[in-house]
Structure formats: structure tokens, C-alpha cells
Amino acid sequence: WKEEDVEGGWDRDINEYRKRHQR
């Protein structure tokens, strides 16, 4: 999943993205 590929329904992906990319 890439930020550039984000268009519409990415709420579910953003949740996993935050879990994988925690600062």
C-alpha cells in the first residue's frame, strides 16, 4: 500500500499504515 495509490476508501488501510508506521 502506497500513499500515492490512495484515492477513496483507504480508512481501513490507513489504520494498518499507522500501526506499521508508528513514530
PDB file of N, CA and C in Angstrom:
ATOM      1  N   TRP A   1       0.836  -1.205   0.000  1.00  0.00           N
ATOM      2  CA  TRP A   1       0.000   0.000   0.000  1.00  0.00           C
ATOM      3  C   TRP A   1       0.868   1.251   0.000  1.00  0.00           C
ATOM      4  N   LYS A   2       0.607   2.159  -0.936  1.00  0.00           N
ATOM      5  CA  LYS A   2       1.402   3.387  -1.001  1.00  0.00           C
ATOM      6  C   LYS A   2       0.497   4.604  -0.885  1.00  0.00           C
ATOM      7  N   GLU A   3       1.024   5.661  -0.343  1.00  0.00           N
ATOM      8  CA  GLU A   3       0.231   6.885  -0.181  1.00  0.00           C
ATOM      9  C   GLU A   3      -0.221   7.414  -1.539  1.00  0.00           C
ATOM     10  N   GLU A   4       0.603   7.181  -2.553  1.00  0.00           N
ATOM     11  CA  GLU A   4       0.272   7.683  -3.888  1.00  0.00           C
ATOM     12  C   GLU A   4      -0.904   6.915  -4.479  1.00  0.00           C
ATOM     13  N   ASP A   5      -1.087   5.666  -4.015  1.00  0.00           N
ATOM     14  CA  ASP A   5      -2.169   4.841  -4.547  1.00  0.00           C
ATOM     15  C   ASP A   5      -3.490   5.146  -3.859  1.00  0.00           C
ATOM     16  N   VAL A   6      -3.439   6.001  -2.838  1.00  0.00           N
ATOM     17  CA  VAL A   6      -4.662   6.313  -2.088  1.00  0.00           C
ATOM     18  C   VAL A   6      -5.578   7.191  -2.929  1.00  0.00           C
ATOM     19  N   GLU A   7      -6.833   6.802  -2.999  1.00  0.00           N
ATOM     20  CA  GLU A   7      -7.802   7.611  -3.758  1.00  0.00           C
ATOM     21  C   GLU A   7      -9.061   7.850  -2.940  1.00  0.00           C
ATOM     22  N   GLY A   8      -9.748   6.757  -2.595  1.00  0.00           N
ATOM     23  CA  GLY A   8     -11.029   6.915  -1.893  1.00  0.00           C
ATOM     24  C   GLY A   8     -11.048   6.171  -0.574  1.00  0.00           C
ATOM     25  N   GLY A   9     -11.650   4.963  -0.574  1.00  0.00           N
ATOM     26  CA  GLY A   9     -11.799   4.223   0.687  1.00  0.00           C
ATOM     27  C   GLY A   9     -10.488   3.664   1.183  1.00  0.00           C
ATOM     28  N   TRP A  10      -9.755   4.457   1.922  1.00  0.00           N
ATOM     29  CA  TRP A  10      -8.474   3.995   2.455  1.00  0.00           C
ATOM     30  C   TRP A  10      -8.445   4.127   3.974  1.00  0.00           C
ATOM     31  N   ASP A  11      -9.637   4.211   4.577  1.00  0.00           N
ATOM     32  CA  ASP A  11      -9.702   4.326   6.039  1.00  0.00           C
ATOM     33  C   ASP A  11      -9.156   3.062   6.684  1.00  0.00           C
ATOM     34  N   ARG A  12      -9.487   1.921   6.098  1.00  0.00           N
ATOM     35  CA  ARG A  12      -9.012   0.652   6.670  1.00  0.00           C
ATOM     36  C   ARG A  12      -7.509   0.510   6.481  1.00  0.00           C
ATOM     37  N   ASP A  13      -7.021   0.974   5.330  1.00  0.00           N
ATOM     38  CA  ASP A  13      -5.587   0.861   5.044  1.00  0.00           C
ATOM     39  C   ASP A  13      -4.791   1.818   5.929  1.00  0.00           C
ATOM     40  N   ILE A  14      -5.359   3.009   6.176  1.00  0.00           N
ATOM     41  CA  ILE A  14      -4.643   3.994   7.000  1.00  0.00           C
ATOM     42  C   ILE A  14      -4.494   3.482   8.419  1.00  0.00           C
ATOM     43  N   ASN A  15      -5.461   2.707   8.868  1.00  0.00           N
ATOM     44  CA  ASN A  15      -5.368   2.142  10.218  1.00  0.00           C
ATOM     45  C   ASN A  15      -4.189   1.194  10.300  1.00  0.00           C
ATOM     46  N   GLU A  16      -4.030   0.335   9.316  1.00  0.00           N
ATOM     47  CA  GLU A  16      -2.905  -0.605   9.306  1.00  0.00           C
ATOM     48  C   GLU A  16      -1.601   0.154   9.063  1.00  0.00           C
ATOM     49  N   TYR A  17      -1.679   1.218   8.291  1.00  0.00           N
ATOM     50  CA  TYR A  17      -0.488   2.014   7.988  1.00  0.00           C
ATOM     51  C   TYR A  17       0.058   2.658   9.261  1.00  0.00           C
ATOM     52  N   ARG A  18      -0.859   3.168  10.092  1.00  0.00           N
ATOM     53  CA  ARG A  18      -0.428   3.799  11.345  1.00  0.00           C
ATOM     54  C   ARG A  18       0.182   2.770  12.274  1.00  0.00           C
ATOM     55  N   LYS A  19      -0.385   1.553  12.274  1.00  0.00           N
ATOM     56  CA  LYS A  19       0.144   0.508  13.156  1.00  0.00           C
ATOM     57  C   LYS A  19       1.538   0.099  12.710  1.00  0.00           C
ATOM     58  N   ARG A  20       1.738   0.039  11.397  1.00  0.00           N
ATOM     59  CA  ARG A  20       3.046  -0.375  10.870  1.00  0.00           C
ATOM     60  C   ARG A  20       4.050   0.761  10.928  1.00  0.00           C
ATOM     61  N   HIS A  21       3.541   1.999  10.872  1.00  0.00           N
ATOM     62  CA  HIS A  21       4.440   3.157  10.866  1.00  0.00           C
ATOM     63  C   HIS A  21       4.151   4.063  12.054  1.00  0.00           C
ATOM     64  N   GLN A  22       4.442   3.557  13.235  1.00  0.00           N
ATOM     65  CA  GLN A  22       4.248   4.378  14.430  1.00  0.00           C
ATOM     66  C   GLN A  22       5.519   5.161  14.716  1.00  0.00           C
ATOM     67  N   ARG A  23       5.369   6.452  15.023  1.00  0.00           N
ATOM     68  CA  ARG A  23       6.539   7.278  15.311  1.00  0.00           C
ATOM     69  C   ARG A  23       6.805   7.289  16.805  1.00  0.00           C
TER      70      ARG A  23
END
